[in-house]
């Protein structure tokens, strides 16, 4: 009795480990979101899920969240600041770009 093995290559096997956008679910007529691995002005974005990123200082202190919101005119980004003393989030505003939403944590 002879055992044979066949190797098949799936499309996932051929994707670079750094190309996370290729694994994002695709929706008809919509571009896959860019991965949230941004560091900007001393702040870091840590991806929580596809449409939500935690904004932290370099030391790990949580400042809040940036969330993608669907809008008829395109994606918007909602910034929410964490108020530790009150244990709640306060909406800072909605922006047309993720970088603008992230910048508001530096200036607000």
N, C-alpha and C. Protein backbone atom coordinates (compact mmCIF):
# COMPACT_ATOMS: atom_id res chain seq x y z
N UNK A 1 0.84 -1.18 0.00
CA UNK A 1 0.00 0.00 0.00
C UNK A 1 0.89 1.25 0.00
N UNK A 2 0.64 2.14 -0.93
CA UNK A 2 1.44 3.35 -1.05
C UNK A 2 0.56 4.55 -0.74
N UNK A 3 1.07 5.42 0.11
CA UNK A 3 0.36 6.65 0.44
C UNK A 3 0.98 7.78 -0.36
N UNK A 4 0.15 8.56 -0.96
CA UNK A 4 0.64 9.72 -1.69
C UNK A 4 0.06 10.98 -1.08
N UNK A 5 0.78 12.03 -1.20
CA UNK A 5 0.34 13.30 -0.65
C UNK A 5 0.34 14.34 -1.76
N UNK A 6 -0.68 15.12 -1.81
CA UNK A 6 -0.72 16.21 -2.77
C UNK A 6 -0.76 17.51 -2.00
N UNK A 7 -0.08 18.48 -2.49
CA UNK A 7 -0.06 19.79 -1.86
C UNK A 7 -0.79 20.77 -2.76
N UNK A 8 -1.75 21.44 -2.19
CA UNK A 8 -2.45 22.47 -2.94
C UNK A 8 -2.13 23.81 -2.31
N UNK A 9 -2.10 24.80 -3.13
CA UNK A 9 -1.83 26.15 -2.66
C UNK A 9 -3.10 26.96 -2.78
N UNK A 10 -3.57 27.48 -1.65
CA UNK A 10 -4.75 28.32 -1.67
C UNK A 10 -4.31 29.77 -1.86
N UNK A 11 -5.22 30.64 -2.27
CA UNK A 11 -4.85 32.05 -2.44
C UNK A 11 -4.31 32.67 -1.16
N UNK A 12 -4.75 32.19 0.01
CA UNK A 12 -4.28 32.75 1.28
C UNK A 12 -2.81 32.41 1.48
N UNK A 13 -2.36 31.23 1.01
CA UNK A 13 -0.96 30.83 1.17
C UNK A 13 -0.02 31.72 0.37
N UNK A 14 -0.49 32.35 -0.67
CA UNK A 14 0.38 33.14 -1.52
C UNK A 14 0.41 34.61 -1.13
N UNK A 15 -0.33 35.01 -0.11
CA UNK A 15 -0.37 36.41 0.32
C UNK A 15 0.79 36.68 1.27
N UNK A 16 1.42 37.80 1.08
CA UNK A 16 2.50 38.21 1.97
C UNK A 16 1.95 38.38 3.38
N UNK A 17 2.72 38.02 4.41
CA UNK A 17 2.22 38.18 5.78
C UNK A 17 1.92 39.62 6.15
N UNK A 18 2.50 40.58 5.44
CA UNK A 18 2.26 41.99 5.74
C UNK A 18 1.06 42.53 4.99
N UNK A 19 0.52 41.79 4.04
CA UNK A 19 -0.60 42.26 3.23
C UNK A 19 -1.92 41.85 3.87
N UNK A 20 -2.32 42.56 4.93
CA UNK A 20 -3.53 42.20 5.65
C UNK A 20 -4.78 42.66 4.92
N UNK A 21 -4.68 43.63 4.02
CA UNK A 21 -5.87 44.08 3.30
C UNK A 21 -6.42 43.01 2.39
N UNK A 22 -5.56 42.12 1.92
CA UNK A 22 -6.02 41.06 1.03
C UNK A 22 -6.94 40.08 1.76
N UNK A 23 -6.82 39.99 3.07
CA UNK A 23 -7.65 39.08 3.84
C UNK A 23 -8.95 39.73 4.32
N UNK A 24 -9.08 41.04 4.16
CA UNK A 24 -10.28 41.74 4.60
C UNK A 24 -11.47 41.31 3.75
N UNK A 25 -12.64 41.17 4.39
CA UNK A 25 -13.81 40.80 3.61
C UNK A 25 -14.14 41.89 2.60
N UNK A 26 -14.48 41.48 1.40
CA UNK A 26 -14.79 42.48 0.38
C UNK A 26 -16.29 42.60 0.24
N UNK A 27 -16.73 43.82 0.14
CA UNK A 27 -18.14 44.11 -0.07
C UNK A 27 -18.28 44.68 -1.47
N UNK A 28 -19.37 44.35 -2.15
CA UNK A 28 -19.55 44.87 -3.51
C UNK A 28 -19.50 46.40 -3.53
N UNK A 29 -18.68 46.94 -4.41
CA UNK A 29 -18.61 48.38 -4.58
C UNK A 29 -17.87 49.10 -3.48
N UNK A 30 -17.12 48.39 -2.64
CA UNK A 30 -16.44 49.02 -1.52
C UNK A 30 -14.98 48.58 -1.48
N UNK A 31 -14.10 49.50 -1.22
CA UNK A 31 -12.68 49.21 -1.11
C UNK A 31 -12.42 48.69 0.29
N UNK A 32 -11.59 47.67 0.42
CA UNK A 32 -11.23 47.14 1.73
C UNK A 32 -10.51 48.23 2.53
N UNK A 33 -10.82 48.36 3.82
CA UNK A 33 -10.19 49.41 4.61
C UNK A 33 -8.70 49.16 4.79
N UNK A 34 -7.95 50.24 4.90
CA UNK A 34 -6.52 50.09 5.11
C UNK A 34 -6.29 49.62 6.55
N UNK A 35 -5.24 48.84 6.78
CA UNK A 35 -5.00 48.33 8.13
C UNK A 35 -4.66 49.46 9.09
N UNK A 36 -5.10 49.33 10.32
CA UNK A 36 -4.87 50.37 11.32
C UNK A 36 -3.59 50.07 12.09
N UNK A 37 -2.48 50.47 11.54
CA UNK A 37 -1.18 50.27 12.17
C UNK A 37 -0.42 51.58 12.18
N UNK A 38 -1.11 52.65 12.42
CA UNK A 38 -0.55 53.97 12.26
C UNK A 38 0.00 54.51 13.58
N UNK A 39 1.14 55.15 13.52
CA UNK A 39 1.68 55.92 14.63
C UNK A 39 1.75 57.36 14.14
N UNK A 40 1.21 58.27 14.92
CA UNK A 40 1.09 59.64 14.44
C UNK A 40 1.26 60.62 15.61
N UNK A 41 2.26 61.47 15.55
CA UNK A 41 2.43 62.52 16.54
C UNK A 41 2.51 62.02 17.97
N UNK A 42 3.21 60.92 18.22
CA UNK A 42 3.33 60.38 19.56
C UNK A 42 2.16 59.52 19.99
N UNK A 43 1.20 59.32 19.10
CA UNK A 43 0.04 58.47 19.39
C UNK A 43 0.12 57.20 18.56
N UNK A 44 -0.46 56.14 19.09
CA UNK A 44 -0.51 54.86 18.38
C UNK A 44 -1.95 54.44 18.21
N UNK A 45 -2.26 53.86 17.06
CA UNK A 45 -3.57 53.25 16.83
C UNK A 45 -3.40 51.75 16.93
N UNK A 46 -4.18 51.13 17.79
CA UNK A 46 -4.15 49.68 17.95
C UNK A 46 -5.48 49.14 17.45
N UNK A 47 -5.43 48.33 16.41
CA UNK A 47 -6.66 47.82 15.81
C UNK A 47 -7.38 46.88 16.77
N UNK A 48 -8.67 47.18 17.01
CA UNK A 48 -9.52 46.35 17.86
C UNK A 48 -10.36 45.43 16.99
N UNK A 49 -10.96 46.01 15.96
CA UNK A 49 -11.67 45.25 14.93
C UNK A 49 -11.58 46.06 13.64
N UNK A 50 -12.21 45.56 12.58
CA UNK A 50 -12.04 46.21 11.27
C UNK A 50 -12.40 47.69 11.27
N UNK A 51 -13.40 48.08 12.05
CA UNK A 51 -13.87 49.46 12.00
C UNK A 51 -13.60 50.24 13.27
N UNK A 52 -12.74 49.74 14.15
CA UNK A 52 -12.48 50.40 15.43
C UNK A 52 -11.01 50.28 15.80
N UNK A 53 -10.42 51.42 16.20
CA UNK A 53 -9.03 51.43 16.65
C UNK A 53 -8.93 52.18 17.97
N UNK A 54 -8.11 51.65 18.86
CA UNK A 54 -7.85 52.28 20.16
C UNK A 54 -6.71 53.25 19.98
N UNK A 55 -6.85 54.46 20.50
CA UNK A 55 -5.80 55.48 20.43
C UNK A 55 -5.08 55.49 21.77
N UNK A 56 -3.76 55.27 21.74
CA UNK A 56 -2.97 55.24 22.97
C UNK A 56 -1.76 56.15 22.82
N UNK A 57 -1.24 56.55 23.98
CA UNK A 57 0.06 57.22 23.98
C UNK A 57 1.13 56.15 23.80
N UNK A 58 2.35 56.57 23.56
CA UNK A 58 3.44 55.61 23.35
C UNK A 58 3.61 54.69 24.55
N UNK A 59 3.31 55.17 25.76
CA UNK A 59 3.45 54.38 26.97
C UNK A 59 2.30 53.42 27.20
N UNK A 60 1.26 53.47 26.37
CA UNK A 60 0.14 52.54 26.50
C UNK A 60 -1.11 53.12 27.15
N UNK A 61 -1.08 54.37 27.60
CA UNK A 61 -2.25 54.99 28.21
C UNK A 61 -3.32 55.18 27.15
N UNK A 62 -4.53 54.68 27.42
CA UNK A 62 -5.63 54.77 26.46
C UNK A 62 -6.22 56.17 26.50
N UNK A 63 -6.28 56.80 25.32
CA UNK A 63 -6.90 58.11 25.19
C UNK A 63 -8.33 58.03 24.69
N UNK A 64 -8.62 57.02 23.87
CA UNK A 64 -9.97 56.89 23.32
C UNK A 64 -9.98 55.95 22.13
N UNK A 65 -10.99 56.15 21.28
CA UNK A 65 -11.18 55.29 20.12
C UNK A 65 -11.47 56.11 18.88
N UNK A 66 -11.10 55.57 17.74
CA UNK A 66 -11.49 56.11 16.43
C UNK A 66 -12.29 55.00 15.75
N UNK A 67 -13.51 55.35 15.35
CA UNK A 67 -14.43 54.36 14.79
C UNK A 67 -14.88 54.78 13.40
N UNK A 68 -14.86 53.83 12.45
CA UNK A 68 -15.36 54.12 11.10
C UNK A 68 -16.88 54.04 11.12
N UNK A 69 -17.52 55.05 10.51
CA UNK A 69 -18.97 55.13 10.47
C UNK A 69 -19.39 55.25 9.00
N UNK A 70 -20.36 54.43 8.60
CA UNK A 70 -20.87 54.52 7.23
C UNK A 70 -21.69 55.79 7.07
N UNK A 71 -21.51 56.44 5.93
CA UNK A 71 -22.22 57.66 5.60
C UNK A 71 -22.59 57.57 4.13
N UNK A 72 -23.72 58.11 3.71
CA UNK A 72 -24.08 58.04 2.29
C UNK A 72 -23.03 58.65 1.35
N UNK A 73 -22.25 59.59 1.85
CA UNK A 73 -21.22 60.23 1.03
C UNK A 73 -19.86 59.56 1.13
N UNK A 74 -19.74 58.54 1.97
CA UNK A 74 -18.46 57.85 2.14
C UNK A 74 -18.21 57.56 3.61
N UNK A 75 -17.08 56.94 3.89
CA UNK A 75 -16.74 56.62 5.27
C UNK A 75 -16.40 57.88 6.05
N UNK A 76 -16.86 57.92 7.28
CA UNK A 76 -16.50 58.99 8.21
C UNK A 76 -15.83 58.33 9.40
N UNK A 77 -15.10 59.11 10.16
CA UNK A 77 -14.38 58.60 11.31
C UNK A 77 -14.81 59.37 12.54
N UNK A 78 -15.31 58.67 13.55
CA UNK A 78 -15.80 59.27 14.80
C UNK A 78 -14.73 59.08 15.88
N UNK A 79 -14.37 60.18 16.54
CA UNK A 79 -13.38 60.13 17.62
C UNK A 79 -14.12 60.22 18.95
N UNK A 80 -13.76 59.31 19.87
CA UNK A 80 -14.34 59.30 21.22
C UNK A 80 -13.20 59.30 22.23
N UNK A 81 -13.20 60.30 23.11
CA UNK A 81 -12.17 60.39 24.14
C UNK A 81 -12.63 59.67 25.40
N UNK A 82 -11.71 58.94 26.01
CA UNK A 82 -12.00 58.23 27.26
C UNK A 82 -11.75 59.18 28.43
N UNK A 83 -12.76 59.34 29.29
CA UNK A 83 -12.64 60.16 30.49
C UNK A 83 -12.54 59.19 31.67
N UNK A 84 -11.32 58.99 32.16
CA UNK A 84 -11.07 57.96 33.17
C UNK A 84 -11.80 58.23 34.48
N UNK A 85 -11.85 59.49 34.92
CA UNK A 85 -12.50 59.80 36.20
C UNK A 85 -13.99 59.48 36.18
N UNK A 86 -14.60 59.61 35.01
CA UNK A 86 -16.04 59.36 34.89
C UNK A 86 -16.34 57.99 34.29
N UNK A 87 -15.28 57.28 33.87
CA UNK A 87 -15.41 55.95 33.26
C UNK A 87 -16.42 55.95 32.10
N UNK A 88 -16.23 56.89 31.18
CA UNK A 88 -17.11 56.97 30.02
C UNK A 88 -16.36 57.57 28.85
N UNK A 89 -17.01 57.53 27.69
CA UNK A 89 -16.44 58.09 26.48
C UNK A 89 -17.24 59.32 26.08
N UNK A 90 -16.54 60.34 25.62
CA UNK A 90 -17.15 61.57 25.15
C UNK A 90 -16.83 61.71 23.67
N UNK A 91 -17.86 61.89 22.85
CA UNK A 91 -17.63 62.04 21.42
C UNK A 91 -17.01 63.40 21.16
N UNK A 92 -15.86 63.39 20.46
CA UNK A 92 -15.17 64.63 20.11
C UNK A 92 -15.71 65.18 18.80
N UNK A 93 -15.94 64.29 17.83
CA UNK A 93 -16.45 64.74 16.55
C UNK A 93 -16.32 63.67 15.48
N UNK A 94 -16.84 63.99 14.29
CA UNK A 94 -16.74 63.09 13.13
C UNK A 94 -15.91 63.79 12.06
N UNK A 95 -15.08 63.00 11.38
CA UNK A 95 -14.13 63.54 10.42
C UNK A 95 -14.16 62.72 9.14
N UNK A 96 -13.69 63.31 8.05
CA UNK A 96 -13.68 62.62 6.76
C UNK A 96 -12.44 61.75 6.59
N UNK A 97 -11.45 61.92 7.46
CA UNK A 97 -10.26 61.07 7.35
C UNK A 97 -9.86 60.54 8.73
N UNK A 98 -9.24 59.37 8.73
CA UNK A 98 -8.79 58.76 9.98
C UNK A 98 -7.69 59.60 10.61
N UNK A 99 -6.83 60.19 9.78
CA UNK A 99 -5.74 60.99 10.33
C UNK A 99 -6.26 62.23 11.05
N UNK A 100 -7.31 62.88 10.52
CA UNK A 100 -7.91 64.02 11.21
C UNK A 100 -8.52 63.61 12.55
N UNK A 101 -9.20 62.46 12.55
CA UNK A 101 -9.81 61.96 13.79
C UNK A 101 -8.73 61.65 14.82
N UNK A 102 -7.61 61.11 14.38
CA UNK A 102 -6.50 60.81 15.29
C UNK A 102 -5.86 62.10 15.80
N UNK A 103 -5.69 63.09 14.94
CA UNK A 103 -5.07 64.34 15.34
C UNK A 103 -5.86 65.06 16.42
N UNK A 104 -7.15 64.89 16.46
CA UNK A 104 -7.94 65.62 17.45
C UNK A 104 -7.58 65.18 18.87
N UNK A 105 -7.02 63.98 19.05
CA UNK A 105 -6.58 63.56 20.39
C UNK A 105 -5.33 64.32 20.83
N UNK A 106 -4.56 64.80 19.88
CA UNK A 106 -3.38 65.60 20.23
C UNK A 106 -3.76 67.00 20.63
N UNK A 107 -4.82 67.54 20.06
CA UNK A 107 -5.16 68.94 20.24
C UNK A 107 -6.36 69.18 21.14
N UNK A 108 -7.17 68.14 21.40
CA UNK A 108 -8.39 68.34 22.21
C UNK A 108 -8.11 68.11 23.68
